[in-house]
N, C-alpha and C. Protein backbone atom coordinates (compact mmCIF):
# COMPACT_ATOMS: atom_id res chain seq x y z
N MET A 1 0.86 -1.18 0.00
CA MET A 1 0.00 0.00 0.00
C MET A 1 0.90 1.24 0.00
N ILE A 2 0.55 2.18 -0.80
CA ILE A 2 1.33 3.41 -0.89
C ILE A 2 0.83 4.37 0.19
N GLY A 3 1.79 4.90 0.94
CA GLY A 3 1.45 5.85 1.98
C GLY A 3 1.17 7.23 1.40
N ARG A 4 0.68 8.09 2.23
CA ARG A 4 0.30 9.42 1.78
C ARG A 4 1.46 10.20 1.16
N PHE A 5 2.67 10.04 1.69
CA PHE A 5 3.81 10.80 1.20
C PHE A 5 4.79 9.94 0.42
N ASP A 6 4.45 8.70 0.12
CA ASP A 6 5.36 7.83 -0.62
C ASP A 6 5.56 8.29 -2.05
N ILE A 7 4.65 9.07 -2.59
CA ILE A 7 4.72 9.50 -3.98
C ILE A 7 5.77 10.59 -4.18
N VAL A 8 6.00 11.39 -3.19
CA VAL A 8 6.95 12.50 -3.31
C VAL A 8 8.26 12.14 -2.65
N ALA A 9 9.31 12.90 -2.94
CA ALA A 9 10.64 12.59 -2.45
C ALA A 9 10.75 12.71 -0.94
N SER A 10 10.07 13.68 -0.37
CA SER A 10 10.17 13.85 1.08
C SER A 10 8.91 14.52 1.60
N GLU A 11 8.76 14.48 2.91
CA GLU A 11 7.61 15.12 3.54
C GLU A 11 7.65 16.62 3.29
N GLY A 12 8.84 17.20 3.33
CA GLY A 12 8.98 18.65 3.07
C GLY A 12 8.53 19.01 1.68
N ASP A 13 8.86 18.19 0.69
CA ASP A 13 8.41 18.44 -0.68
C ASP A 13 6.88 18.38 -0.76
N ALA A 14 6.31 17.44 -0.03
CA ALA A 14 4.85 17.30 -0.04
C ALA A 14 4.18 18.53 0.54
N ARG A 15 4.71 19.01 1.67
CA ARG A 15 4.12 20.19 2.29
C ARG A 15 4.27 21.41 1.38
N ALA A 16 5.41 21.54 0.74
CA ALA A 16 5.63 22.67 -0.16
C ALA A 16 4.66 22.63 -1.32
N GLY A 17 4.44 21.43 -1.86
CA GLY A 17 3.50 21.29 -2.97
C GLY A 17 2.08 21.60 -2.56
N VAL A 18 1.68 21.10 -1.40
CA VAL A 18 0.32 21.36 -0.90
C VAL A 18 0.15 22.85 -0.62
N LEU A 19 1.17 23.45 -0.01
CA LEU A 19 1.09 24.87 0.31
C LEU A 19 1.01 25.70 -0.97
N HIS A 20 1.84 25.34 -1.96
CA HIS A 20 1.82 26.07 -3.23
C HIS A 20 0.45 25.95 -3.90
N THR A 21 -0.09 24.74 -3.91
CA THR A 21 -1.41 24.52 -4.50
C THR A 21 -2.48 25.29 -3.72
N ALA A 22 -2.41 25.24 -2.41
CA ALA A 22 -3.39 25.95 -1.59
C ALA A 22 -3.29 27.45 -1.81
N ASN A 23 -2.06 27.98 -1.87
CA ASN A 23 -1.89 29.42 -2.11
C ASN A 23 -2.42 29.81 -3.47
N GLY A 24 -2.17 28.98 -4.47
CA GLY A 24 -2.67 29.26 -5.81
C GLY A 24 -4.19 29.24 -5.87
N GLU A 25 -4.76 28.26 -5.20
CA GLU A 25 -6.23 28.17 -5.16
C GLU A 25 -6.82 29.34 -4.39
N LEU A 26 -6.17 29.70 -3.30
CA LEU A 26 -6.65 30.83 -2.51
C LEU A 26 -6.55 32.12 -3.31
N ALA A 27 -5.45 32.33 -4.01
CA ALA A 27 -5.28 33.53 -4.82
C ALA A 27 -6.33 33.59 -5.93
N ALA A 28 -6.60 32.47 -6.56
CA ALA A 28 -7.62 32.42 -7.62
C ALA A 28 -9.00 32.71 -7.05
N ARG A 29 -9.28 32.16 -5.86
CA ARG A 29 -10.57 32.39 -5.22
C ARG A 29 -10.72 33.87 -4.83
N ARG A 30 -9.65 34.46 -4.32
CA ARG A 30 -9.70 35.88 -3.96
C ARG A 30 -9.89 36.75 -5.18
N GLN A 31 -9.23 36.41 -6.28
CA GLN A 31 -9.38 37.18 -7.51
C GLN A 31 -10.82 37.11 -8.01
N HIS A 32 -11.37 35.90 -8.01
CA HIS A 32 -12.77 35.73 -8.43
C HIS A 32 -13.71 36.50 -7.52
N GLN A 33 -13.46 36.44 -6.22
CA GLN A 33 -14.29 37.14 -5.25
C GLN A 33 -14.19 38.65 -5.43
N SER A 34 -12.99 39.15 -5.69
CA SER A 34 -12.80 40.59 -5.91
C SER A 34 -13.57 41.06 -7.13
N LEU A 35 -13.53 40.28 -8.20
CA LEU A 35 -14.28 40.64 -9.40
C LEU A 35 -15.78 40.59 -9.15
N ALA A 36 -16.23 39.60 -8.40
CA ALA A 36 -17.65 39.49 -8.08
C ALA A 36 -18.10 40.70 -7.26
N TRP A 37 -17.27 41.12 -6.29
CA TRP A 37 -17.60 42.29 -5.48
C TRP A 37 -17.63 43.55 -6.34
N MET A 38 -16.67 43.67 -7.26
CA MET A 38 -16.63 44.84 -8.13
C MET A 38 -17.94 44.96 -8.91
N TRP A 39 -18.37 43.85 -9.53
CA TRP A 39 -19.60 43.88 -10.31
C TRP A 39 -20.84 44.07 -9.45
N GLU A 40 -20.82 43.54 -8.24
CA GLU A 40 -21.95 43.76 -7.32
C GLU A 40 -22.08 45.24 -7.00
N ARG A 41 -20.95 45.90 -6.76
CA ARG A 41 -20.98 47.33 -6.44
C ARG A 41 -21.42 48.15 -7.65
N ILE A 42 -20.97 47.78 -8.84
CA ILE A 42 -21.40 48.47 -10.06
C ILE A 42 -22.91 48.32 -10.23
N GLU A 43 -23.40 47.09 -10.11
CA GLU A 43 -24.83 46.85 -10.27
C GLU A 43 -25.65 47.59 -9.22
N ALA A 44 -25.18 47.61 -7.99
CA ALA A 44 -25.89 48.33 -6.93
C ALA A 44 -25.92 49.82 -7.22
N GLY A 45 -24.81 50.37 -7.69
CA GLY A 45 -24.75 51.79 -8.02
C GLY A 45 -25.66 52.14 -9.19
N LEU A 46 -25.65 51.31 -10.21
CA LEU A 46 -26.52 51.55 -11.36
C LEU A 46 -28.00 51.47 -10.97
N LYS A 47 -28.32 50.47 -10.16
CA LYS A 47 -29.71 50.30 -9.71
C LYS A 47 -30.15 51.51 -8.88
N HIS A 48 -29.28 51.97 -8.01
CA HIS A 48 -29.59 53.14 -7.19
C HIS A 48 -29.80 54.37 -8.08
N ASP A 49 -28.88 54.62 -8.99
CA ASP A 49 -29.01 55.77 -9.89
C ASP A 49 -30.28 55.67 -10.73
N PHE A 50 -30.59 54.47 -11.18
CA PHE A 50 -31.80 54.25 -11.97
C PHE A 50 -33.05 54.64 -11.17
N HIS A 51 -33.15 54.13 -9.94
CA HIS A 51 -34.33 54.40 -9.11
C HIS A 51 -34.43 55.87 -8.70
N GLU A 52 -33.30 56.56 -8.61
CA GLU A 52 -33.31 57.96 -8.20
C GLU A 52 -33.49 58.93 -9.37
N HIS A 53 -33.43 58.43 -10.59
CA HIS A 53 -33.55 59.29 -11.77
C HIS A 53 -34.96 59.87 -11.85
N GLU A 54 -35.06 61.16 -12.08
CA GLU A 54 -36.36 61.85 -12.07
C GLU A 54 -37.34 61.29 -13.10
N ALA A 55 -36.89 61.04 -14.31
CA ALA A 55 -37.78 60.53 -15.35
C ALA A 55 -38.24 59.11 -15.04
N VAL A 56 -37.37 58.31 -14.47
CA VAL A 56 -37.74 56.95 -14.09
C VAL A 56 -38.77 56.99 -12.97
N ARG A 57 -38.52 57.85 -11.99
CA ARG A 57 -39.48 57.96 -10.88
C ARG A 57 -40.86 58.39 -11.36
N ALA A 58 -40.89 59.25 -12.38
CA ALA A 58 -42.16 59.73 -12.90
C ALA A 58 -42.94 58.61 -13.60
N LEU A 59 -42.25 57.68 -14.21
CA LEU A 59 -42.91 56.62 -14.97
C LEU A 59 -43.12 55.31 -14.20
N LEU A 60 -42.30 55.06 -13.22
CA LEU A 60 -42.23 53.75 -12.59
C LEU A 60 -43.56 53.25 -12.02
N ALA A 61 -44.25 54.07 -11.27
CA ALA A 61 -45.49 53.61 -10.62
C ALA A 61 -46.54 53.19 -11.66
N GLN A 62 -46.74 54.02 -12.68
CA GLN A 62 -47.75 53.70 -13.69
C GLN A 62 -47.36 52.48 -14.52
N LEU A 63 -46.10 52.41 -14.92
CA LEU A 63 -45.67 51.26 -15.71
C LEU A 63 -45.75 49.97 -14.89
N THR A 64 -45.45 50.05 -13.62
CA THR A 64 -45.57 48.88 -12.74
C THR A 64 -47.02 48.41 -12.69
N LYS A 65 -47.94 49.35 -12.54
CA LYS A 65 -49.37 49.00 -12.52
C LYS A 65 -49.80 48.39 -13.85
N ASP A 66 -49.30 48.96 -14.96
CA ASP A 66 -49.66 48.44 -16.28
C ASP A 66 -49.17 47.01 -16.48
N VAL A 67 -47.98 46.71 -16.01
CA VAL A 67 -47.44 45.36 -16.12
C VAL A 67 -48.23 44.42 -15.22
N GLU A 68 -48.49 44.83 -13.99
CA GLU A 68 -49.24 43.98 -13.06
C GLU A 68 -50.64 43.68 -13.57
N ALA A 69 -51.26 44.64 -14.26
CA ALA A 69 -52.62 44.46 -14.76
C ALA A 69 -52.65 43.74 -16.11
N GLY A 70 -51.49 43.48 -16.68
CA GLY A 70 -51.44 42.80 -17.97
C GLY A 70 -51.67 43.71 -19.15
N ARG A 71 -51.65 45.03 -18.93
CA ARG A 71 -51.87 45.98 -20.02
C ARG A 71 -50.61 46.24 -20.83
N MET A 72 -49.45 45.86 -20.27
CA MET A 72 -48.19 46.11 -20.96
C MET A 72 -47.23 44.97 -20.66
N PRO A 73 -46.52 44.48 -21.68
CA PRO A 73 -45.50 43.46 -21.41
C PRO A 73 -44.36 44.04 -20.57
N ALA A 74 -43.80 43.21 -19.71
CA ALA A 74 -42.70 43.65 -18.86
C ALA A 74 -41.53 44.18 -19.69
N SER A 75 -41.27 43.54 -20.82
CA SER A 75 -40.15 43.98 -21.66
C SER A 75 -40.37 45.39 -22.21
N THR A 76 -41.59 45.74 -22.54
CA THR A 76 -41.90 47.08 -23.04
C THR A 76 -41.73 48.11 -21.92
N ALA A 77 -42.22 47.79 -20.75
CA ALA A 77 -42.08 48.70 -19.61
C ALA A 77 -40.60 48.92 -19.28
N ALA A 78 -39.86 47.83 -19.28
CA ALA A 78 -38.42 47.94 -19.00
C ALA A 78 -37.74 48.82 -20.03
N ARG A 79 -38.05 48.62 -21.30
CA ARG A 79 -37.45 49.43 -22.37
C ARG A 79 -37.80 50.90 -22.19
N ARG A 80 -39.04 51.20 -21.86
CA ARG A 80 -39.44 52.61 -21.66
C ARG A 80 -38.69 53.24 -20.49
N LEU A 81 -38.54 52.48 -19.41
CA LEU A 81 -37.82 53.01 -18.25
C LEU A 81 -36.34 53.21 -18.57
N LEU A 82 -35.74 52.25 -19.26
CA LEU A 82 -34.34 52.39 -19.63
C LEU A 82 -34.13 53.55 -20.61
N ASP A 83 -35.06 53.71 -21.55
CA ASP A 83 -34.96 54.84 -22.48
C ASP A 83 -35.05 56.17 -21.75
N ALA A 84 -35.96 56.26 -20.77
CA ALA A 84 -36.09 57.49 -19.97
C ALA A 84 -34.80 57.77 -19.19
N TRP A 85 -34.19 56.73 -18.69
CA TRP A 85 -32.94 56.87 -17.91
C TRP A 85 -31.78 57.31 -18.79
N HIS A 86 -31.76 56.84 -20.01
CA HIS A 86 -30.64 57.12 -20.92
C HIS A 86 -30.77 58.43 -21.67
N LYS A 87 -31.88 59.10 -21.57
CA LYS A 87 -32.07 60.35 -22.32
C LYS A 87 -31.19 61.48 -21.85
N ASP A 88 -30.67 61.40 -20.65
CA ASP A 88 -29.81 62.47 -20.14
C ASP A 88 -28.47 62.48 -20.80
């Protein structure tokens, strides 16, 4: 039966390899997490700016009611709100 460290030259080599792999995985995980946080902050900022925009605020309540009542497709309401936001 092969022991846990029989594959490598020494126990020190094994620890170095595990540490290197762990550090690499940790660095990759941190990089992914940093990018996820960046996009979360961008999305939160855009959503906030969208909701605070005067033209969006003027349209939002009525368009929401129209979508809820089935008088307007959600995609049309979304397009109108985005167009109002982008007019500035």
